[in-house]
Amino acid sequence: MATLQVELVAVERTIWSGEASMVIARTTEGEIGVLPGHAPLLGELAPGGVVTIRSTEGQDVVAAAHGGFLSVTPQGVSILAETAEISSEIDVERAREALRRAESEGDDPDALAAARRAQSRLRAAGQA
């Protein structure tokens, strides 16, 4: 079975690295699925997106990723995010509180961005 070498990296740390059979991510151009042999590309991650990596063991690694890029090369897939959290590390109650706080602030651009981040954290944790 063909595989991909995948790296999910945030500014502060490497979130996940390993062999995978598939990567799914939302870019500004839409959702993209990457399988072994995919054509090279560079895509901008959509605000408040979720990245799913199917490991070679068949388990899905789900992460909330905010800002950054997805790069596909013959060597593999690199996901470079400003911030990212694996679903198992997400504090769901804290994310819900962040969403409530952001929604109460109205149409302020910073509040809208905070709401998108909170929503993606909840989606990654399977709570949205």
N, C-alpha and C. Protein backbone atom coordinates (compact mmCIF):
# COMPACT_ATOMS: atom_id res chain seq x y z
N MET A 1 0.84 -1.18 0.00
CA MET A 1 0.00 0.00 0.00
C MET A 1 0.89 1.25 0.00
N ALA A 2 0.59 2.16 -0.89
CA ALA A 2 1.32 3.43 -0.95
C ALA A 2 0.92 4.30 0.24
N THR A 3 1.88 5.07 0.74
CA THR A 3 1.60 5.94 1.88
C THR A 3 2.17 7.34 1.63
N LEU A 4 1.78 8.24 2.51
CA LEU A 4 2.26 9.62 2.49
C LEU A 4 3.04 9.87 3.77
N GLN A 5 4.12 10.61 3.68
CA GLN A 5 4.78 11.10 4.88
C GLN A 5 4.10 12.43 5.21
N VAL A 6 3.52 12.53 6.41
CA VAL A 6 2.75 13.72 6.77
C VAL A 6 3.34 14.38 8.00
N GLU A 7 3.40 15.70 7.96
CA GLU A 7 3.84 16.51 9.09
C GLU A 7 2.79 17.58 9.33
N LEU A 8 2.26 17.64 10.54
CA LEU A 8 1.35 18.70 10.96
C LEU A 8 2.11 19.50 12.01
N VAL A 9 2.46 20.74 11.65
CA VAL A 9 3.31 21.55 12.49
C VAL A 9 2.64 22.89 12.77
N ALA A 10 2.64 23.28 14.04
CA ALA A 10 2.18 24.61 14.44
C ALA A 10 3.42 25.42 14.80
N VAL A 11 3.24 26.71 14.96
CA VAL A 11 4.37 27.59 15.25
C VAL A 11 5.13 27.10 16.49
N GLU A 12 4.40 26.67 17.50
CA GLU A 12 5.04 26.33 18.77
C GLU A 12 5.54 24.89 18.88
N ARG A 13 5.06 23.97 18.00
CA ARG A 13 5.50 22.58 18.13
C ARG A 13 5.02 21.72 16.96
N THR A 14 5.62 20.53 16.85
CA THR A 14 5.13 19.54 15.90
C THR A 14 3.93 18.86 16.56
N ILE A 15 2.80 18.85 15.86
CA ILE A 15 1.57 18.28 16.40
C ILE A 15 1.52 16.78 16.09
N TRP A 16 1.84 16.40 14.85
CA TRP A 16 1.82 14.99 14.46
C TRP A 16 2.75 14.79 13.28
N SER A 17 3.42 13.66 13.25
CA SER A 17 4.30 13.31 12.15
C SER A 17 4.27 11.81 11.98
N GLY A 18 4.15 11.36 10.73
CA GLY A 18 4.16 9.93 10.50
C GLY A 18 3.65 9.56 9.12
N GLU A 19 3.43 8.26 8.93
CA GLU A 19 2.93 7.73 7.67
C GLU A 19 1.40 7.73 7.69
N ALA A 20 0.81 8.10 6.56
CA ALA A 20 -0.65 8.15 6.47
C ALA A 20 -1.08 7.67 5.08
N SER A 21 -2.34 7.27 5.02
CA SER A 21 -2.89 6.84 3.73
C SER A 21 -3.71 7.95 3.08
N MET A 22 -4.10 8.98 3.87
CA MET A 22 -4.93 10.05 3.33
C MET A 22 -4.90 11.26 4.26
N VAL A 23 -5.05 12.44 3.67
CA VAL A 23 -5.18 13.69 4.42
C VAL A 23 -6.37 14.45 3.85
N ILE A 24 -7.22 14.98 4.73
CA ILE A 24 -8.34 15.81 4.30
C ILE A 24 -8.21 17.14 5.04
N ALA A 25 -8.30 18.24 4.29
CA ALA A 25 -8.20 19.57 4.88
C ALA A 25 -9.08 20.55 4.11
N ARG A 26 -9.52 21.58 4.79
CA ARG A 26 -10.29 22.63 4.14
C ARG A 26 -9.34 23.78 3.83
N THR A 27 -9.29 24.13 2.53
CA THR A 27 -8.49 25.27 2.10
C THR A 27 -9.43 26.41 1.71
N THR A 28 -8.85 27.54 1.38
CA THR A 28 -9.68 28.67 0.96
C THR A 28 -10.37 28.38 -0.37
N GLU A 29 -9.90 27.37 -1.10
CA GLU A 29 -10.51 26.98 -2.37
C GLU A 29 -11.53 25.85 -2.20
N GLY A 30 -11.65 25.31 -1.00
CA GLY A 30 -12.58 24.22 -0.73
C GLY A 30 -11.88 23.06 -0.05
N GLU A 31 -12.65 22.02 0.25
CA GLU A 31 -12.08 20.85 0.92
C GLU A 31 -11.26 20.04 -0.08
N ILE A 32 -10.13 19.52 0.40
CA ILE A 32 -9.25 18.74 -0.46
C ILE A 32 -8.88 17.44 0.23
N GLY A 33 -8.86 16.38 -0.54
CA GLY A 33 -8.39 15.09 -0.07
C GLY A 33 -7.11 14.76 -0.80
N VAL A 34 -6.11 14.32 -0.06
CA VAL A 34 -4.81 14.00 -0.64
C VAL A 34 -4.52 12.53 -0.40
N LEU A 35 -4.28 11.82 -1.49
CA LEU A 35 -3.90 10.41 -1.46
C LEU A 35 -2.48 10.28 -2.00
N PRO A 36 -1.82 9.15 -1.76
CA PRO A 36 -0.48 8.96 -2.34
C PRO A 36 -0.50 9.18 -3.86
N GLY A 37 0.51 9.86 -4.37
CA GLY A 37 0.60 10.14 -5.80
C GLY A 37 -0.10 11.42 -6.22
N HIS A 38 -0.64 12.18 -5.26
CA HIS A 38 -1.34 13.43 -5.58
C HIS A 38 -0.37 14.41 -6.25
N ALA A 39 -0.90 15.20 -7.14
CA ALA A 39 -0.10 16.23 -7.81
C ALA A 39 0.37 17.27 -6.78
N PRO A 40 1.57 17.82 -6.98
CA PRO A 40 2.06 18.86 -6.07
C PRO A 40 1.11 20.06 -6.05
N LEU A 41 0.95 20.64 -4.87
CA LEU A 41 0.14 21.85 -4.74
C LEU A 41 0.49 22.58 -3.47
N LEU A 42 0.08 23.82 -3.42
CA LEU A 42 0.21 24.65 -2.23
C LEU A 42 -1.14 25.29 -2.01
N GLY A 43 -1.74 25.09 -0.85
CA GLY A 43 -3.05 25.65 -0.55
C GLY A 43 -3.03 26.38 0.77
N GLU A 44 -3.82 27.44 0.85
CA GLU A 44 -3.96 28.19 2.10
C GLU A 44 -5.07 27.54 2.92
N LEU A 45 -4.79 27.23 4.19
CA LEU A 45 -5.81 26.64 5.05
C LEU A 45 -6.93 27.66 5.29
N ALA A 46 -8.16 27.18 5.25
CA ALA A 46 -9.31 28.05 5.51
C ALA A 46 -9.33 28.42 6.99
N PRO A 47 -9.83 29.61 7.30
CA PRO A 47 -9.93 30.01 8.71
C PRO A 47 -10.82 29.03 9.48
N GLY A 48 -10.34 28.64 10.65
CA GLY A 48 -11.14 27.76 11.50
C GLY A 48 -11.39 26.39 10.93
N GLY A 49 -10.39 25.81 10.29
CA GLY A 49 -10.57 24.52 9.64
C GLY A 49 -10.21 23.33 10.50
N VAL A 50 -10.60 22.17 10.02
CA VAL A 50 -10.27 20.90 10.66
C VAL A 50 -9.47 20.08 9.66
N VAL A 51 -8.41 19.45 10.13
CA VAL A 51 -7.56 18.59 9.32
C VAL A 51 -7.73 17.16 9.83
N THR A 52 -7.95 16.23 8.92
CA THR A 52 -8.04 14.81 9.29
C THR A 52 -6.93 14.05 8.56
N ILE A 53 -6.16 13.31 9.34
CA ILE A 53 -5.07 12.49 8.79
C ILE A 53 -5.42 11.04 9.11
N ARG A 54 -5.53 10.20 8.08
CA ARG A 54 -5.78 8.78 8.30
C ARG A 54 -4.43 8.08 8.35
N SER A 55 -4.05 7.65 9.55
CA SER A 55 -2.75 6.99 9.73
C SER A 55 -2.76 5.63 9.05
N THR A 56 -1.58 5.08 8.85
CA THR A 56 -1.47 3.78 8.20
C THR A 56 -2.07 2.68 9.08
N GLU A 57 -2.26 2.95 10.37
CA GLU A 57 -2.92 1.99 11.26
C GLU A 57 -4.43 2.07 11.16
N GLY A 58 -4.95 2.99 10.32
CA GLY A 58 -6.38 3.12 10.12
C GLY A 58 -7.07 4.06 11.09
N GLN A 59 -6.32 4.69 11.97
CA GLN A 59 -6.91 5.64 12.92
C GLN A 59 -6.88 7.04 12.34
N ASP A 60 -7.93 7.81 12.62
CA ASP A 60 -7.98 9.20 12.18
C ASP A 60 -7.39 10.10 13.25
N VAL A 61 -6.46 10.95 12.83
CA VAL A 61 -5.91 12.00 13.68
C VAL A 61 -6.63 13.26 13.24
N VAL A 62 -7.43 13.83 14.14
CA VAL A 62 -8.22 15.01 13.81
C VAL A 62 -7.67 16.19 14.61
N ALA A 63 -7.49 17.32 13.91
CA ALA A 63 -6.94 18.51 14.57
C ALA A 63 -7.65 19.76 14.08
N ALA A 64 -7.83 20.70 14.98
CA ALA A 64 -8.29 22.04 14.62
C ALA A 64 -7.04 22.81 14.19
N ALA A 65 -7.05 23.39 13.00
CA ALA A 65 -5.90 24.13 12.49
C ALA A 65 -6.34 25.52 12.08
N HIS A 66 -5.59 26.51 12.49
CA HIS A 66 -5.95 27.90 12.23
C HIS A 66 -4.81 28.60 11.50
N GLY A 67 -5.13 29.11 10.33
CA GLY A 67 -4.14 29.85 9.55
C GLY A 67 -3.02 28.95 9.06
N GLY A 68 -2.42 29.30 7.98
CA GLY A 68 -1.28 28.55 7.48
C GLY A 68 -1.51 27.94 6.11
N PHE A 69 -0.71 26.92 5.81
CA PHE A 69 -0.68 26.35 4.46
C PHE A 69 -0.59 24.84 4.49
N LEU A 70 -1.02 24.24 3.40
CA LEU A 70 -0.87 22.81 3.15
C LEU A 70 -0.03 22.69 1.90
N SER A 71 1.02 21.90 1.97
CA SER A 71 1.91 21.71 0.82
C SER A 71 1.99 20.23 0.50
N VAL A 72 1.76 19.89 -0.77
CA VAL A 72 1.89 18.51 -1.23
C VAL A 72 3.06 18.47 -2.21
N THR A 73 4.03 17.62 -1.91
CA THR A 73 5.19 17.41 -2.77
C THR A 73 5.36 15.91 -2.99
N PRO A 74 6.25 15.52 -3.87
CA PRO A 74 6.49 14.08 -4.02
C PRO A 74 6.98 13.41 -2.73
N GLN A 75 7.56 14.20 -1.81
CA GLN A 75 8.04 13.66 -0.55
C GLN A 75 6.94 13.49 0.49
N GLY A 76 5.80 14.15 0.32
CA GLY A 76 4.71 14.01 1.29
C GLY A 76 3.89 15.26 1.45
N VAL A 77 3.20 15.35 2.59
CA VAL A 77 2.30 16.47 2.88
C VAL A 77 2.80 17.19 4.12
N SER A 78 2.93 18.51 4.01
CA SER A 78 3.28 19.35 5.16
C SER A 78 2.13 20.29 5.41
N ILE A 79 1.66 20.32 6.64
CA ILE A 79 0.61 21.25 7.04
C ILE A 79 1.25 22.17 8.07
N LEU A 80 1.39 23.43 7.69
CA LEU A 80 2.04 24.42 8.53
C LEU A 80 0.99 25.41 9.01
N ALA A 81 0.60 25.29 10.27
CA ALA A 81 -0.49 26.11 10.82
C ALA A 81 0.06 27.11 11.83
N GLU A 82 -0.65 28.24 11.94
CA GLU A 82 -0.29 29.20 12.98
C GLU A 82 -0.52 28.58 14.35
N THR A 83 -1.68 27.95 14.53
CA THR A 83 -1.97 27.19 15.74
C THR A 83 -2.72 25.93 15.34
N ALA A 84 -2.55 24.88 16.12
CA ALA A 84 -3.25 23.63 15.85
C ALA A 84 -3.35 22.84 17.15
N GLU A 85 -4.45 22.10 17.28
CA GLU A 85 -4.67 21.25 18.45
C GLU A 85 -5.25 19.92 18.01
N ILE A 86 -4.67 18.84 18.50
CA ILE A 86 -5.22 17.50 18.28
C ILE A 86 -6.52 17.41 19.08
N SER A 87 -7.51 16.72 18.52
CA SER A 87 -8.84 16.64 19.15
C SER A 87 -8.78 16.15 20.59
N SER A 88 -7.90 15.21 20.89
CA SER A 88 -7.82 14.67 22.26
C SER A 88 -7.28 15.69 23.27
N GLU A 89 -6.65 16.76 22.79
CA GLU A 89 -6.10 17.78 23.68
C GLU A 89 -7.04 18.96 23.88
N ILE A 90 -8.17 18.97 23.18
CA ILE A 90 -9.07 20.12 23.23
C ILE A 90 -9.93 20.06 24.48
N ASP A 91 -9.95 21.16 25.22
CA ASP A 91 -10.82 21.31 26.38
C ASP A 91 -12.16 21.81 25.85
N VAL A 92 -13.13 20.90 25.75
CA VAL A 92 -14.42 21.21 25.13
C VAL A 92 -15.15 22.32 25.87
N GLU A 93 -15.17 22.28 27.19
CA GLU A 93 -15.88 23.33 27.94
C GLU A 93 -15.22 24.69 27.72
N ARG A 94 -13.92 24.72 27.66
CA ARG A 94 -13.22 25.99 27.40
C ARG A 94 -13.54 26.50 26.00
N ALA A 95 -13.62 25.59 25.03
CA ALA A 95 -13.97 25.98 23.66
C ALA A 95 -15.40 26.50 23.60
N ARG A 96 -16.32 25.85 24.30
CA ARG A 96 -17.71 26.33 24.33
C ARG A 96 -17.80 27.72 24.95
N GLU A 97 -17.06 27.94 26.04
CA GLU A 97 -17.06 29.26 26.68
C GLU A 97 -16.46 30.31 25.75
N ALA A 98 -15.40 29.96 25.03
CA ALA A 98 -14.80 30.90 24.08
C ALA A 98 -15.79 31.24 22.97
N LEU A 99 -16.57 30.26 22.52
CA LEU A 99 -17.57 30.51 21.50
C LEU A 99 -18.67 31.42 22.03
N ARG A 100 -19.16 31.16 23.23
CA ARG A 100 -20.20 32.03 23.82
C ARG A 100 -19.69 33.47 23.96
N ARG A 101 -18.46 33.61 24.43
CA ARG A 101 -17.89 34.94 24.62
C ARG A 101 -17.75 35.66 23.27
N ALA A 102 -17.26 34.96 22.26
CA ALA A 102 -17.06 35.56 20.93
C ALA A 102 -18.40 35.94 20.31
N GLU A 103 -19.40 35.08 20.45
CA GLU A 103 -20.71 35.38 19.87
C GLU A 103 -21.38 36.57 20.56
N SER A 104 -21.09 36.78 21.82
CA SER A 104 -21.70 37.91 22.53
C SER A 104 -21.07 39.25 22.15
N GLU A 105 -19.92 39.20 21.48
CA GLU A 105 -19.23 40.43 21.09
C GLU A 105 -19.68 40.97 19.74
N GLY A 106 -20.62 40.29 19.10
CA GLY A 106 -21.20 40.81 17.86
C GLY A 106 -20.35 40.61 16.64
N ASP A 107 -20.37 41.62 15.73
CA ASP A 107 -19.74 41.50 14.42
C ASP A 107 -18.32 42.04 14.37
N ASP A 108 -17.70 42.23 15.49
CA ASP A 108 -16.32 42.67 15.53
C ASP A 108 -15.45 41.61 14.83
N PRO A 109 -14.55 42.03 13.92
CA PRO A 109 -13.73 41.04 13.18
C PRO A 109 -12.93 40.11 14.10
N ASP A 110 -12.40 40.62 15.19
CA ASP A 110 -11.66 39.76 16.12
C ASP A 110 -12.58 38.74 16.77
N ALA A 111 -13.79 39.16 17.09
CA ALA A 111 -14.77 38.25 17.70
C ALA A 111 -15.19 37.18 16.70
N LEU A 112 -15.37 37.56 15.44
CA LEU A 112 -15.73 36.58 14.42
C LEU A 112 -14.62 35.55 14.22
N ALA A 113 -13.36 36.00 14.23
CA ALA A 113 -12.23 35.08 14.10
C ALA A 113 -12.15 34.15 15.32
N ALA A 114 -12.39 34.69 16.50
CA ALA A 114 -12.39 33.87 17.71
C ALA A 114 -13.51 32.84 17.67
N ALA A 115 -14.66 33.22 17.15
CA ALA A 115 -15.78 32.28 17.04
C ALA A 115 -15.44 31.15 16.06
N ARG A 116 -14.79 31.48 14.93
CA ARG A 116 -14.38 30.44 13.97
C ARG A 116 -13.39 29.47 14.60
N ARG A 117 -12.44 30.00 15.38
CA ARG A 117 -11.46 29.13 16.04
C ARG A 117 -12.15 28.20 17.03
N ALA A 118 -13.07 28.75 17.82
CA ALA A 118 -13.79 27.94 18.81
C ALA A 118 -14.64 26.87 18.13
N GLN A 119 -15.31 27.25 17.04
CA GLN A 119 -16.14 26.28 16.31
C GLN A 119 -15.30 25.16 15.73
N SER A 120 -14.12 25.47 15.19
CA SER A 120 -13.27 24.42 14.63
C SER A 120 -12.75 23.51 15.73
N ARG A 121 -12.46 24.06 16.90
CA ARG A 121 -12.02 23.21 18.02
C ARG A 121 -13.13 22.26 18.43
N LEU A 122 -14.37 22.76 18.44
CA LEU A 122 -15.50 21.90 18.80
C LEU A 122 -15.75 20.84 17.72
N ARG A 123 -15.63 21.21 16.43
CA ARG A 123 -15.78 20.23 15.35
C ARG A 123 -14.70 19.14 15.45
N ALA A 124 -13.46 19.56 15.69
CA ALA A 124 -12.37 18.59 15.79
C ALA A 124 -12.59 17.64 16.96
N ALA A 125 -13.19 18.15 18.03
CA ALA A 125 -13.45 17.32 19.21
C ALA A 125 -14.73 16.51 19.06
N GLY A 126 -15.43 16.67 17.93
CA GLY A 126 -16.67 15.92 17.69
C GLY A 126 -17.84 16.45 18.47
N GLN A 127 -17.82 17.74 18.80
CA GLN A 127 -18.86 18.34 19.63
C GLN A 127 -19.71 19.38 18.91
N ALA A 128 -19.53 19.52 17.60
CA ALA A 128 -20.32 20.53 16.88
C ALA A 128 -21.19 19.89 15.83
